[in-house]
Amino acid sequence: MNLLGNLIWLICGGLLSALGYAVAGVVFCVSIIGIPFGWQCFKIAAFVLWPFGKTIVDSRSSSGCLSLLFNIVWICTGGLYTALIHILFAFLLFITIVGIPFARKHLELAGLALAPFGKDIVYK
């Protein structure tokens, strides 16, 4: 079932979304200061590319206040906008019965896009 959901996800925009996150990651990695943010973009791109069968959990080795500081910078540099876009897509998909599993993944992505530092992606 996960394979079917992932294939439909890829065809219906998942590939383009993952490509967008990957391009943002490359742009962030141009400067040394942006490398942690670029790494988070690559992490999100990997999740967006194949989301079914994976889940987001809090990291065991959280960096504490550094994670908090990076999440605040992330929110100010586009994280809030990206999370709101995922919430909008989730709302639109919840209207249809067929789109509910995809809407749930968009809500997971909204949480990850809002504050990616201190989170890990694991297989279910």
PDB file of N, CA and C in Angstrom:
ATOM      1  N   MET A   1       0.818  -1.192   0.000  1.00  0.00           N
ATOM      2  CA  MET A   1       0.000   0.000   0.000  1.00  0.00           C
ATOM      3  C   MET A   1       0.869   1.267   0.000  1.00  0.00           C
ATOM      4  N   ASN A   2       2.000   1.204   0.750  1.00  0.00           N
ATOM      5  CA  ASN A   2       2.904   2.351   0.780  1.00  0.00           C
ATOM      6  C   ASN A   2       3.469   2.645  -0.599  1.00  0.00           C
ATOM      7  N   LEU A   3       3.771   1.586  -1.353  1.00  0.00           N
ATOM      8  CA  LEU A   3       4.335   1.772  -2.689  1.00  0.00           C
ATOM      9  C   LEU A   3       3.345   2.499  -3.593  1.00  0.00           C
ATOM     10  N   LEU A   4       2.084   2.094  -3.552  1.00  0.00           N
ATOM     11  CA  LEU A   4       1.061   2.742  -4.373  1.00  0.00           C
ATOM     12  C   LEU A   4       0.884   4.209  -3.977  1.00  0.00           C
ATOM     13  N   GLY A   5       0.828   4.469  -2.678  1.00  0.00           N
ATOM     14  CA  GLY A   5       0.699   5.851  -2.205  1.00  0.00           C
ATOM     15  C   GLY A   5       1.885   6.701  -2.621  1.00  0.00           C
ATOM     16  N   ASN A   6       3.096   6.139  -2.534  1.00  0.00           N
ATOM     17  CA  ASN A   6       4.288   6.893  -2.931  1.00  0.00           C
ATOM     18  C   ASN A   6       4.319   7.167  -4.423  1.00  0.00           C
ATOM     19  N   LEU A   7       3.892   6.211  -5.230  1.00  0.00           N
ATOM     20  CA  LEU A   7       3.877   6.430  -6.675  1.00  0.00           C
ATOM     21  C   LEU A   7       2.864   7.499  -7.068  1.00  0.00           C
ATOM     22  N   ILE A   8       1.687   7.448  -6.467  1.00  0.00           N
ATOM     23  CA  ILE A   8       0.678   8.484  -6.749  1.00  0.00           C
ATOM     24  C   ILE A   8       1.188   9.841  -6.271  1.00  0.00           C
ATOM     25  N   TRP A   9       1.827   9.860  -5.094  1.00  0.00           N
ATOM     26  CA  TRP A   9       2.396  11.093  -4.546  1.00  0.00           C
ATOM     27  C   TRP A   9       3.416  11.692  -5.511  1.00  0.00           C
ATOM     28  N   LEU A  10       4.303  10.843  -6.057  1.00  0.00           N
ATOM     29  CA  LEU A  10       5.334  11.326  -6.988  1.00  0.00           C
ATOM     30  C   LEU A  10       4.716  11.938  -8.239  1.00  0.00           C
ATOM     31  N   ILE A  11       3.734  11.265  -8.787  1.00  0.00           N
ATOM     32  CA  ILE A  11       3.110  11.735 -10.015  1.00  0.00           C
ATOM     33  C   ILE A  11       2.353  13.040  -9.785  1.00  0.00           C
ATOM     34  N   CYS A  12       1.723  13.176  -8.629  1.00  0.00           N
ATOM     35  CA  CYS A  12       0.864  14.332  -8.352  1.00  0.00           C
ATOM     36  C   CYS A  12       1.587  15.471  -7.635  1.00  0.00           C
ATOM     37  N   GLY A  13       2.861  15.620  -7.862  1.00  0.00           N
ATOM     38  CA  GLY A  13       3.560  16.790  -7.357  1.00  0.00           C
ATOM     39  C   GLY A  13       4.674  16.529  -6.372  1.00  0.00           C
ATOM     40  N   GLY A  14       4.817  15.320  -5.890  1.00  0.00           N
ATOM     41  CA  GLY A  14       5.867  15.023  -4.928  1.00  0.00           C
ATOM     42  C   GLY A  14       7.261  15.185  -5.508  1.00  0.00           C
ATOM     43  N   LEU A  15       7.419  14.804  -6.766  1.00  0.00           N
ATOM     44  CA  LEU A  15       8.729  14.935  -7.410  1.00  0.00           C
ATOM     45  C   LEU A  15       9.119  16.397  -7.556  1.00  0.00           C
ATOM     46  N   LEU A  16       8.171  17.227  -7.957  1.00  0.00           N
ATOM     47  CA  LEU A  16       8.468  18.654  -8.097  1.00  0.00           C
ATOM     48  C   LEU A  16       8.745  19.315  -6.748  1.00  0.00           C
ATOM     49  N   SER A  17       8.013  18.904  -5.728  1.00  0.00           N
ATOM     50  CA  SER A  17       8.244  19.453  -4.387  1.00  0.00           C
ATOM     51  C   SER A  17       9.626  19.067  -3.875  1.00  0.00           C
ATOM     52  N   ALA A  18       9.994  17.806  -4.070  1.00  0.00           N
ATOM     53  CA  ALA A  18      11.316  17.346  -3.637  1.00  0.00           C
ATOM     54  C   ALA A  18      12.410  18.083  -4.398  1.00  0.00           C
ATOM     55  N   LEU A  19      12.188  18.309  -5.666  1.00  0.00           N
ATOM     56  CA  LEU A  19      13.160  19.061  -6.466  1.00  0.00           C
ATOM     57  C   LEU A  19      13.292  20.491  -5.958  1.00  0.00           C
ATOM     58  N   GLY A  20      12.180  21.099  -5.577  1.00  0.00           N
ATOM     59  CA  GLY A  20      12.207  22.455  -5.025  1.00  0.00           C
ATOM     60  C   GLY A  20      12.985  22.522  -3.721  1.00  0.00           C
ATOM     61  N   TYR A  21      12.759  21.554  -2.837  1.00  0.00           N
ATOM     62  CA  TYR A  21      13.518  21.518  -1.582  1.00  0.00           C
ATOM     63  C   TYR A  21      15.005  21.275  -1.847  1.00  0.00           C
ATOM     64  N   ALA A  22      15.321  20.413  -2.817  1.00  0.00           N
ATOM     65  CA  ALA A  22      16.726  20.128  -3.132  1.00  0.00           C
ATOM     66  C   ALA A  22      17.425  21.362  -3.695  1.00  0.00           C
ATOM     67  N   VAL A  23      16.744  22.109  -4.557  1.00  0.00           N
ATOM     68  CA  VAL A  23      17.329  23.348  -5.109  1.00  0.00           C
ATOM     69  C   VAL A  23      17.549  24.358  -3.993  1.00  0.00           C
ATOM     70  N   ALA A  24      16.586  24.474  -3.084  1.00  0.00           N
ATOM     71  CA  ALA A  24      16.754  25.378  -1.945  1.00  0.00           C
ATOM     72  C   ALA A  24      17.937  24.937  -1.082  1.00  0.00           C
ATOM     73  N   GLY A  25      18.118  23.628  -0.933  1.00  0.00           N
ATOM     74  CA  GLY A  25      19.252  23.120  -0.175  1.00  0.00           C
ATOM     75  C   GLY A  25      20.577  23.486  -0.813  1.00  0.00           C
ATOM     76  N   VAL A  26      20.646  23.403  -2.124  1.00  0.00           N
ATOM     77  CA  VAL A  26      21.879  23.785  -2.830  1.00  0.00           C
ATOM     78  C   VAL A  26      22.139  25.273  -2.661  1.00  0.00           C
ATOM     79  N   VAL A  27      21.104  26.081  -2.749  1.00  0.00           N
ATOM     80  CA  VAL A  27      21.262  27.530  -2.586  1.00  0.00           C
ATOM     81  C   VAL A  27      21.738  27.857  -1.173  1.00  0.00           C
ATOM     82  N   PHE A  28      21.158  27.193  -0.175  1.00  0.00           N
ATOM     83  CA  PHE A  28      21.594  27.426   1.200  1.00  0.00           C
ATOM     84  C   PHE A  28      23.047  27.005   1.407  1.00  0.00           C
ATOM     85  N   CYS A  29      23.466  25.921   0.758  1.00  0.00           N
ATOM     86  CA  CYS A  29      24.819  25.391   0.966  1.00  0.00           C
ATOM     87  C   CYS A  29      25.904  26.210   0.273  1.00  0.00           C
ATOM     88  N   VAL A  30      25.529  27.242  -0.449  1.00  0.00           N
ATOM     89  CA  VAL A  30      26.527  28.095  -1.100  1.00  0.00           C
ATOM     90  C   VAL A  30      27.387  28.799  -0.058  1.00  0.00           C
ATOM     91  N   SER A  31      26.782  29.180   1.043  1.00  0.00           N
ATOM     92  CA  SER A  31      27.558  29.837   2.103  1.00  0.00           C
ATOM     93  C   SER A  31      27.759  28.863   3.264  1.00  0.00           C
ATOM     94  N   ILE A  32      28.803  29.055   4.008  1.00  0.00           N
ATOM     95  CA  ILE A  32      29.100  28.187   5.137  1.00  0.00           C
ATOM     96  C   ILE A  32      28.024  28.314   6.210  1.00  0.00           C
ATOM     97  N   ILE A  33      27.508  29.504   6.417  1.00  0.00           N
ATOM     98  CA  ILE A  33      26.468  29.729   7.420  1.00  0.00           C
ATOM     99  C   ILE A  33      25.176  28.992   7.050  1.00  0.00           C
ATOM    100  N   GLY A  34      24.917  28.844   5.774  1.00  0.00           N
ATOM    101  CA  GLY A  34      23.672  28.225   5.329  1.00  0.00           C
ATOM    102  C   GLY A  34      23.699  26.708   5.267  1.00  0.00           C
ATOM    103  N   ILE A  35      24.845  26.076   5.519  1.00  0.00           N
ATOM    104  CA  ILE A  35      24.937  24.624   5.384  1.00  0.00           C
ATOM    105  C   ILE A  35      23.952  23.880   6.291  1.00  0.00           C
ATOM    106  N   PRO A  36      23.778  24.239   7.566  1.00  0.00           N
ATOM    107  CA  PRO A  36      22.780  23.511   8.367  1.00  0.00           C
ATOM    108  C   PRO A  36      21.362  23.627   7.802  1.00  0.00           C
ATOM    109  N   PHE A  37      21.046  24.779   7.239  1.00  0.00           N
ATOM    110  CA  PHE A  37      19.725  24.974   6.646  1.00  0.00           C
ATOM    111  C   PHE A  37      19.587  24.178   5.347  1.00  0.00           C
ATOM    112  N   GLY A  38      20.653  24.131   4.574  1.00  0.00           N
ATOM    113  CA  GLY A  38      20.656  23.319   3.361  1.00  0.00           C
ATOM    114  C   GLY A  38      20.486  21.845   3.680  1.00  0.00           C
ATOM    115  N   TRP A  39      21.146  21.387   4.753  1.00  0.00           N
ATOM    116  CA  TRP A  39      21.025  19.994   5.164  1.00  0.00           C
ATOM    117  C   TRP A  39      19.579  19.660   5.528  1.00  0.00           C
ATOM    118  N   GLN A  40      18.904  20.586   6.194  1.00  0.00           N
ATOM    119  CA  GLN A  40      17.496  20.371   6.542  1.00  0.00           C
ATOM    120  C   GLN A  40      16.633  20.319   5.279  1.00  0.00           C
ATOM    121  N   CYS A  41      16.958  21.143   4.286  1.00  0.00           N
ATOM    122  CA  CYS A  41      16.218  21.097   3.013  1.00  0.00           C
ATOM    123  C   CYS A  41      16.382  19.739   2.340  1.00  0.00           C
ATOM    124  N   PHE A  42      17.601  19.187   2.380  1.00  0.00           N
ATOM    125  CA  PHE A  42      17.829  17.875   1.787  1.00  0.00           C
ATOM    126  C   PHE A  42      17.077  16.789   2.557  1.00  0.00           C
ATOM    127  N   LYS A  43      17.005  16.922   3.884  1.00  0.00           N
ATOM    128  CA  LYS A  43      16.271  15.967   4.706  1.00  0.00           C
ATOM    129  C   LYS A  43      14.779  16.013   4.355  1.00  0.00           C
ATOM    130  N   ILE A  44      14.253  17.218   4.207  1.00  0.00           N
ATOM    131  CA  ILE A  44      12.834  17.353   3.853  1.00  0.00           C
ATOM    132  C   ILE A  44      12.589  16.840   2.436  1.00  0.00           C
ATOM    133  N   ALA A  45      13.524  17.102   1.520  1.00  0.00           N
ATOM    134  CA  ALA A  45      13.378  16.623   0.142  1.00  0.00           C
ATOM    135  C   ALA A  45      13.312  15.100   0.103  1.00  0.00           C
ATOM    136  N   ALA A  46      14.126  14.433   0.907  1.00  0.00           N
ATOM    137  CA  ALA A  46      14.093  12.969   0.944  1.00  0.00           C
ATOM    138  C   ALA A  46      12.753  12.470   1.481  1.00  0.00           C
ATOM    139  N   PHE A  47      12.201  13.176   2.459  1.00  0.00           N
ATOM    140  CA  PHE A  47      10.899  12.787   3.001  1.00  0.00           C
ATOM    141  C   PHE A  47       9.795  13.057   1.993  1.00  0.00           C
ATOM    142  N   VAL A  48       9.869  14.186   1.309  1.00  0.00           N
ATOM    143  CA  VAL A  48       8.839  14.551   0.327  1.00  0.00           C
ATOM    144  C   VAL A  48       8.865  13.598  -0.866  1.00  0.00           C
ATOM    145  N   LEU A  49      10.035  13.092  -1.197  1.00  0.00           N
ATOM    146  CA  LEU A  49      10.162  12.207  -2.347  1.00  0.00           C
ATOM    147  C   LEU A  49       9.469  10.865  -2.115  1.00  0.00           C
ATOM    148  N   TRP A  50       9.498  10.337  -0.893  1.00  0.00           N
ATOM    149  CA  TRP A  50       8.956   9.015  -0.600  1.00  0.00           C
ATOM    150  C   TRP A  50       8.365   9.030   0.807  1.00  0.00           C
ATOM    151  N   PRO A  51       7.214   9.715   1.025  1.00  0.00           N
ATOM    152  CA  PRO A  51       6.734   9.961   2.395  1.00  0.00           C
ATOM    153  C   PRO A  51       6.006   8.797   3.068  1.00  0.00           C
ATOM    154  N   PHE A  52       5.360   7.940   2.302  1.00  0.00           N
ATOM    155  CA  PHE A  52       4.581   6.873   2.927  1.00  0.00           C
ATOM    156  C   PHE A  52       5.512   5.775   3.415  1.00  0.00           C
ATOM    157  N   GLY A  53       5.281   5.340   4.640  1.00  0.00           N
ATOM    158  CA  GLY A  53       6.152   4.350   5.265  1.00  0.00           C
ATOM    159  C   GLY A  53       7.192   4.998   6.162  1.00  0.00           C
ATOM    160  N   LYS A  54       7.177   6.326   6.236  1.00  0.00           N
ATOM    161  CA  LYS A  54       8.093   7.065   7.105  1.00  0.00           C
ATOM    162  C   LYS A  54       7.280   7.952   8.040  1.00  0.00           C
ATOM    163  N   THR A  55       7.878   8.323   9.139  1.00  0.00           N
ATOM    164  CA  THR A  55       7.242   9.246  10.067  1.00  0.00           C
ATOM    165  C   THR A  55       8.298  10.169  10.676  1.00  0.00           C
ATOM    166  N   ILE A  56       7.841  11.248  11.273  1.00  0.00           N
ATOM    167  CA  ILE A  56       8.730  12.249  11.857  1.00  0.00           C
ATOM    168  C   ILE A  56       8.681  12.105  13.369  1.00  0.00           C
ATOM    169  N   VAL A  57       9.848  12.044  13.990  1.00  0.00           N
ATOM    170  CA  VAL A  57       9.935  11.938  15.451  1.00  0.00           C
ATOM    171  C   VAL A  57      10.923  12.989  15.955  1.00  0.00           C
ATOM    172  N   ASP A  58      10.826  13.285  17.242  1.00  0.00           N
ATOM    173  CA  ASP A  58      11.790  14.190  17.854  1.00  0.00           C
ATOM    174  C   ASP A  58      13.143  13.491  17.947  1.00  0.00           C
ATOM    175  N   SER A  59      14.177  14.238  17.702  1.00  0.00           N
ATOM    176  CA  SER A  59      15.528  13.695  17.725  1.00  0.00           C
ATOM    177  C   SER A  59      15.955  13.372  19.150  1.00  0.00           C
ATOM    178  N   ARG A  60      16.688  12.286  19.310  1.00  0.00           N
ATOM    179  CA  ARG A  60      17.194  11.918  20.630  1.00  0.00           C
ATOM    180  C   ARG A  60      18.314  12.845  21.056  1.00  0.00           C
ATOM    181  N   SER A  61      19.127  13.250  20.098  1.00  0.00           N
ATOM    182  CA  SER A  61      20.273  14.105  20.417  1.00  0.00           C
ATOM    183  C   SER A  61      19.983  15.540  20.008  1.00  0.00           C
ATOM    184  N   SER A  62      18.958  16.105  20.581  1.00  0.00           N
ATOM    185  CA  SER A  62      18.595  17.483  20.277  1.00  0.00           C
ATOM    186  C   SER A  62      19.684  18.440  20.756  1.00  0.00           C
ATOM    187  N   SER A  63      19.906  19.480  20.013  1.00  0.00           N
ATOM    188  CA  SER A  63      20.961  20.436  20.326  1.00  0.00           C
ATOM    189  C   SER A  63      20.506  21.520  21.290  1.00  0.00           C
ATOM    190  N   GLY A  64      19.309  21.415  21.823  1.00  0.00           N
ATOM    191  CA  GLY A  64      18.834  22.372  22.814  1.00  0.00           C
ATOM    192  C   GLY A  64      18.594  23.752  22.238  1.00  0.00           C
ATOM    193  N   CYS A  65      19.284  24.746  22.820  1.00  0.00           N
ATOM    194  CA  CYS A  65      19.024  26.129  22.427  1.00  0.00           C
ATOM    195  C   CYS A  65      19.522  26.418  21.007  1.00  0.00           C
ATOM    196  N   LEU A  66      20.510  25.667  20.525  1.00  0.00           N
ATOM    197  CA  LEU A  66      20.974  25.862  19.150  1.00  0.00           C
ATOM    198  C   LEU A  66      19.884  25.454  18.164  1.00  0.00           C
ATOM    199  N   SER A  67      19.201  24.357  18.472  1.00  0.00           N
ATOM    200  CA  SER A  67      18.071  23.925  17.650  1.00  0.00           C
ATOM    201  C   SER A  67      16.974  24.982  17.644  1.00  0.00           C
ATOM    202  N   LEU A  68      16.690  25.519  18.803  1.00  0.00           N
ATOM    203  CA  LEU A  68      15.665  26.561  18.916  1.00  0.00           C
ATOM    204  C   LEU A  68      16.051  27.795  18.100  1.00  0.00           C
ATOM    205  N   LEU A  69      17.290  28.217  18.209  1.00  0.00           N
ATOM    206  CA  LEU A  69      17.762  29.385  17.457  1.00  0.00           C
ATOM    207  C   LEU A  69      17.671  29.139  15.955  1.00  0.00           C
ATOM    208  N   PHE A  70      18.107  27.967  15.514  1.00  0.00           N
ATOM    209  CA  PHE A  70      18.039  27.652  14.086  1.00  0.00           C
ATOM    210  C   PHE A  70      16.592  27.568  13.601  1.00  0.00           C
ATOM    211  N   ASN A  71      15.689  27.033  14.430  1.00  0.00           N
ATOM    212  CA  ASN A  71      14.279  26.981  14.037  1.00  0.00           C
ATOM    213  C   ASN A  71      13.676  28.375  13.915  1.00  0.00           C
ATOM    214  N   ILE A  72      14.084  29.296  14.782  1.00  0.00           N
ATOM    215  CA  ILE A  72      13.588  30.676  14.685  1.00  0.00           C
ATOM    216  C   ILE A  72      14.080  31.322  13.394  1.00  0.00           C
ATOM    217  N   VAL A  73      15.345  31.130  13.075  1.00  0.00           N
ATOM    218  CA  VAL A  73      15.880  31.671  11.813  1.00  0.00           C
ATOM    219  C   VAL A  73      15.172  31.023  10.629  1.00  0.00           C
ATOM    220  N   TRP A  74      14.940  29.708  10.720  1.00  0.00           N
ATOM    221  CA  TRP A  74      14.270  28.973   9.650  1.00  0.00           C
ATOM    222  C   TRP A  74      12.865  29.533   9.411  1.00  0.00           C
ATOM    223  N   ILE A  75      12.126  29.768  10.490  1.00  0.00           N
ATOM    224  CA  ILE A  75      10.767  30.302  10.368  1.00  0.00           C
ATOM    225  C   ILE A  75      10.791  31.676   9.702  1.00  0.00           C
ATOM    226  N   CYS A  76      11.767  32.487  10.055  1.00  0.00           N
ATOM    227  CA  CYS A  76      11.853  33.838   9.496  1.00  0.00           C
ATOM    228  C   CYS A  76      12.304  33.852   8.039  1.00  0.00           C
ATOM    229  N   THR A  77      12.952  32.790   7.581  1.00  0.00           N
ATOM    230  CA  THR A  77      13.458  32.778   6.204  1.00  0.00           C
ATOM    231  C   THR A  77      12.647  31.887   5.275  1.00  0.00           C
ATOM    232  N   GLY A  78      11.400  31.654   5.595  1.00  0.00           N
ATOM    233  CA  GLY A  78      10.530  30.931   4.666  1.00  0.00           C
ATOM    234  C   GLY A  78       9.861  29.704   5.231  1.00  0.00           C
ATOM    235  N   GLY A  79      10.195  29.298   6.443  1.00  0.00           N
ATOM    236  CA  GLY A  79       9.583  28.114   7.024  1.00  0.00           C
ATOM    237  C   GLY A  79       8.097  28.286   7.281  1.00  0.00           C
ATOM    238  N   LEU A  80       7.713  29.450   7.744  1.00  0.00           N
ATOM    239  CA  LEU A  80       6.296  29.716   8.008  1.00  0.00           C
ATOM    240  C   LEU A  80       5.491  29.678   6.713  1.00  0.00           C
ATOM    241  N   TYR A  81       6.008  30.308   5.676  1.00  0.00           N
ATOM    242  CA  TYR A  81       5.336  30.316   4.374  1.00  0.00           C
ATOM    243  C   TYR A  81       5.185  28.894   3.839  1.00  0.00           C
ATOM    244  N   THR A  82       6.238  28.102   3.929  1.00  0.00           N
ATOM    245  CA  THR A  82       6.200  26.734   3.421  1.00  0.00           C
ATOM    246  C   THR A  82       5.213  25.888   4.213  1.00  0.00           C
ATOM    247  N   ALA A  83       5.194  26.046   5.527  1.00  0.00           N
ATOM    248  CA  ALA A  83       4.249  25.301   6.359  1.00  0.00           C
ATOM    249  C   ALA A  83       2.809  25.687   6.015  1.00  0.00           C
ATOM    250  N   LEU A  84       2.556  26.965   5.789  1.00  0.00           N
ATOM    251  CA  LEU A  84       1.203  27.405   5.427  1.00  0.00           C
ATOM    252  C   LEU A  84       0.767  26.834   4.081  1.00  0.00           C
ATOM    253  N   ILE A  85       1.697  26.711   3.139  1.00  0.00           N
ATOM    254  CA  ILE A  85       1.376  26.112   1.842  1.00  0.00           C
ATOM    255  C   ILE A  85       0.993  24.643   2.025  1.00  0.00           C
ATOM    256  N   HIS A  86       1.740  23.923   2.867  1.00  0.00           N
ATOM    257  CA  HIS A  86       1.399  22.518   3.127  1.00  0.00           C
ATOM    258  C   HIS A  86       0.035  22.404   3.811  1.00  0.00           C
ATOM    259  N   ILE A  87      -0.279  23.320   4.705  1.00  0.00           N
ATOM    260  CA  ILE A  87      -1.589  23.307   5.371  1.00  0.00           C
ATOM    261  C   ILE A  87      -2.699  23.596   4.364  1.00  0.00           C
ATOM    262  N   LEU A  88      -2.469  24.511   3.441  1.00  0.00           N
ATOM    263  CA  LEU A  88      -3.458  24.800   2.401  1.00  0.00           C
ATOM    264  C   LEU A  88      -3.719  23.569   1.540  1.00  0.00           C
ATOM    265  N   PHE A  89      -2.642  22.887   1.121  1.00  0.00           N
ATOM    266  CA  PHE A  89      -2.820  21.672   0.319  1.00  0.00           C
ATOM    267  C   PHE A  89      -3.528  20.587   1.127  1.00  0.00           C
ATOM    268  N   ALA A  90      -3.228  20.491   2.417  1.00  0.00           N
ATOM    269  CA  ALA A  90      -3.906  19.507   3.267  1.00  0.00           C
ATOM    270  C   ALA A  90      -5.401  19.807   3.337  1.00  0.00           C
ATOM    271  N   PHE A  91      -5.761  21.054   3.500  1.00  0.00           N
ATOM    272  CA  PHE A  91      -7.175  21.436   3.546  1.00  0.00           C
ATOM    273  C   PHE A  91      -7.875  21.073   2.237  1.00  0.00           C
ATOM    274  N   LEU A  92      -7.233  21.379   1.113  1.00  0.00           N
ATOM    275  CA  LEU A  92      -7.838  21.072  -0.189  1.00  0.00           C
ATOM    276  C   LEU A  92      -7.984  19.569  -0.399  1.00  0.00           C
ATOM    277  N   LEU A  93      -7.014  18.795   0.095  1.00  0.00           N
ATOM    278  CA  LEU A  93      -7.086  17.348  -0.080  1.00  0.00           C
ATOM    279  C   LEU A  93      -8.067  16.693   0.886  1.00  0.00           C
ATOM    280  N   PHE A  94      -8.273  17.292   2.058  1.00  0.00           N
ATOM    281  CA  PHE A  94      -9.233  16.745   3.013  1.00  0.00           C
ATOM    282  C   PHE A  94     -10.661  16.834   2.504  1.00  0.00           C
ATOM    283  N   ILE A  95     -10.918  17.702   1.556  1.00  0.00           N
ATOM    284  CA  ILE A  95     -12.270  17.842   1.001  1.00  0.00           C
ATOM    285  C   ILE A  95     -12.690  16.565   0.284  1.00  0.00           C
ATOM    286  N   THR A  96     -11.713  15.907  -0.354  1.00  0.00           N
ATOM    287  CA  THR A  96     -12.020  14.668  -1.062  1.00  0.00           C
ATOM    288  C   THR A  96     -11.717  13.473  -0.169  1.00  0.00           C
ATOM    289  N   ILE A  97     -12.433  12.423  -0.337  1.00  0.00           N
ATOM    290  CA  ILE A  97     -12.195  11.214   0.456  1.00  0.00           C
ATOM    291  C   ILE A  97     -10.897  10.546   0.009  1.00  0.00           C
ATOM    292  N   VAL A  98     -10.625  10.541  -1.264  1.00  0.00           N
ATOM    293  CA  VAL A  98      -9.430   9.897  -1.804  1.00  0.00           C
ATOM    294  C   VAL A  98      -8.164  10.630  -1.349  1.00  0.00           C
ATOM    295  N   GLY A  99      -8.246  11.912  -1.129  1.00  0.00           N
ATOM    296  CA  GLY A  99      -7.070  12.703  -0.794  1.00  0.00           C
ATOM    297  C   GLY A  99      -6.704  12.739   0.676  1.00  0.00           C
ATOM    298  N   ILE A 100      -7.461  12.076   1.544  1.00  0.00           N
ATOM    299  CA  ILE A 100      -7.200  12.157   2.983  1.00  0.00           C
ATOM    300  C   ILE A 100      -5.809  11.639   3.370  1.00  0.00           C
ATOM    301  N   PRO A 101      -5.329  10.502   2.840  1.00  0.00           N
ATOM    302  CA  PRO A 101      -3.973  10.084   3.210  1.00  0.00           C
ATOM    303  C   PRO A 101      -2.901  11.094   2.776  1.00  0.00           C
ATOM    304  N   PHE A 102      -3.118  11.712   1.640  1.00  0.00           N
ATOM    305  CA  PHE A 102      -2.169  12.722   1.160  1.00  0.00           C
ATOM    306  C   PHE A 102      -2.244  13.987   2.006  1.00  0.00           C
ATOM    307  N   ALA A 103      -3.436  14.332   2.452  1.00  0.00           N
ATOM    308  CA  ALA A 103      -3.603  15.498   3.328  1.00  0.00           C
ATOM    309  C   ALA A 103      -2.885  15.272   4.654  1.00  0.00           C
ATOM    310  N   ARG A 104      -2.964  14.062   5.184  1.00  0.00           N
ATOM    311  CA  ARG A 104      -2.263  13.760   6.438  1.00  0.00           C
ATOM    312  C   ARG A 104      -0.755  13.897   6.274  1.00  0.00           C
ATOM    313  N   LYS A 105      -0.222  13.494   5.131  1.00  0.00           N
ATOM    314  CA  LYS A 105       1.215  13.653   4.886  1.00  0.00           C
ATOM    315  C   LYS A 105       1.578  15.131   4.753  1.00  0.00           C
ATOM    316  N   HIS A 106       0.695  15.916   4.153  1.00  0.00           N
ATOM    317  CA  HIS A 106       0.953  17.356   4.061  1.00  0.00           C
ATOM    318  C   HIS A 106       0.967  17.991   5.450  1.00  0.00           C
ATOM    319  N   LEU A 107       0.118  17.516   6.345  1.00  0.00           N
ATOM    320  CA  LEU A 107       0.146  18.052   7.714  1.00  0.00           C
ATOM    321  C   LEU A 107       1.444  17.671   8.426  1.00  0.00           C
ATOM    322  N   GLU A 108       1.940  16.448   8.190  1.00  0.00           N
ATOM    323  CA  GLU A 108       3.248  16.073   8.737  1.00  0.00           C
ATOM    324  C   GLU A 108       4.339  16.968   8.166  1.00  0.00           C
ATOM    325  N   LEU A 109       4.254  17.204   6.876  1.00  0.00           N
ATOM    326  CA  LEU A 109       5.242  18.073   6.220  1.00  0.00           C
ATOM    327  C   LEU A 109       5.163  19.501   6.732  1.00  0.00           C
ATOM    328  N   ALA A 110       3.963  19.955   7.067  1.00  0.00           N
ATOM    329  CA  ALA A 110       3.813  21.311   7.607  1.00  0.00           C
ATOM    330  C   ALA A 110       4.552  21.435   8.927  1.00  0.00           C
ATOM    331  N   GLY A 111       4.429  20.435   9.776  1.00  0.00           N
ATOM    332  CA  GLY A 111       5.149  20.459  11.043  1.00  0.00           C
ATOM    333  C   GLY A 111       6.650  20.417  10.847  1.00  0.00           C
ATOM    334  N   LEU A 112       7.101  19.602   9.896  1.00  0.00           N
ATOM    335  CA  LEU A 112       8.530  19.518   9.607  1.00  0.00           C
ATOM    336  C   LEU A 112       9.036  20.791   8.946  1.00  0.00           C
ATOM    337  N   ALA A 113       8.239  21.371   8.059  1.00  0.00           N
ATOM    338  CA  ALA A 113       8.656  22.596   7.375  1.00  0.00           C
ATOM    339  C   ALA A 113       8.669  23.794   8.318  1.00  0.00           C
ATOM    340  N   LEU A 114       7.883  23.739   9.377  1.00  0.00           N
ATOM    341  CA  LEU A 114       7.852  24.845  10.329  1.00  0.00           C
ATOM    342  C   LEU A 114       9.075  24.825  11.247  1.00  0.00           C
ATOM    343  N   ALA A 115       9.469  23.653  11.711  1.00  0.00           N
ATOM    344  CA  ALA A 115      10.601  23.553  12.642  1.00  0.00           C
ATOM    345  C   ALA A 115      11.353  22.241  12.405  1.00  0.00           C
ATOM    346  N   PRO A 116      12.259  22.199  11.429  1.00  0.00           N
ATOM    347  CA  PRO A 116      12.927  20.937  11.092  1.00  0.00           C
ATOM    348  C   PRO A 116      14.086  20.557  12.016  1.00  0.00           C
ATOM    349  N   PHE A 117      14.646  21.512  12.727  1.00  0.00           N
ATOM    350  CA  PHE A 117      15.779  21.205  13.588  1.00  0.00           C
ATOM    351  C   PHE A 117      15.290  20.488  14.839  1.00  0.00           C
ATOM    352  N   GLY A 118      15.950  19.402  15.197  1.00  0.00           N
ATOM    353  CA  GLY A 118      15.531  18.605  16.337  1.00  0.00           C
ATOM    354  C   GLY A 118      14.543  17.517  15.962  1.00  0.00           C
ATOM    355  N   LYS A 119      14.367  17.260  14.673  1.00  0.00           N
ATOM    356  CA  LYS A 119      13.454  16.221  14.190  1.00  0.00           C
ATOM    357  C   LYS A 119      14.252  15.205  13.375  1.00  0.00           C
ATOM    358  N   ASP A 120      13.793  13.956  13.415  1.00  0.00           N
ATOM    359  CA  ASP A 120      14.357  12.880  12.608  1.00  0.00           C
ATOM    360  C   ASP A 120      13.253  12.226  11.829  1.00  0.00           C
ATOM    361  N   ILE A 121      13.603  11.645  10.688  1.00  0.00           N
ATOM    362  CA  ILE A 121      12.662  10.904   9.860  1.00  0.00           C
ATOM    363  C   ILE A 121      13.037   9.438   9.991  1.00  0.00           C
ATOM    364  N   VAL A 122      12.069   8.616  10.391  1.00  0.00           N
ATOM    365  CA  VAL A 122      12.327   7.189  10.591  1.00  0.00           C
ATOM    366  C   VAL A 122      11.297   6.381   9.832  1.00  0.00           C
ATOM    367  N   TYR A 123      11.686   5.139   9.524  1.00  0.00           N
ATOM    368  CA  TYR A 123      10.740   4.209   8.876  1.00  0.00           C
ATOM    369  C   TYR A 123       9.797   3.653   9.925  1.00  0.00           C
ATOM    370  N   LYS A 124       8.543   3.485   9.548  1.00  0.00           N
ATOM    371  CA  LYS A 124       7.536   2.939  10.471  1.00  0.00           C
ATOM    372  C   LYS A 124       7.774   1.473  10.712  1.00  0.00           C
TER     373      LYS A 124
END
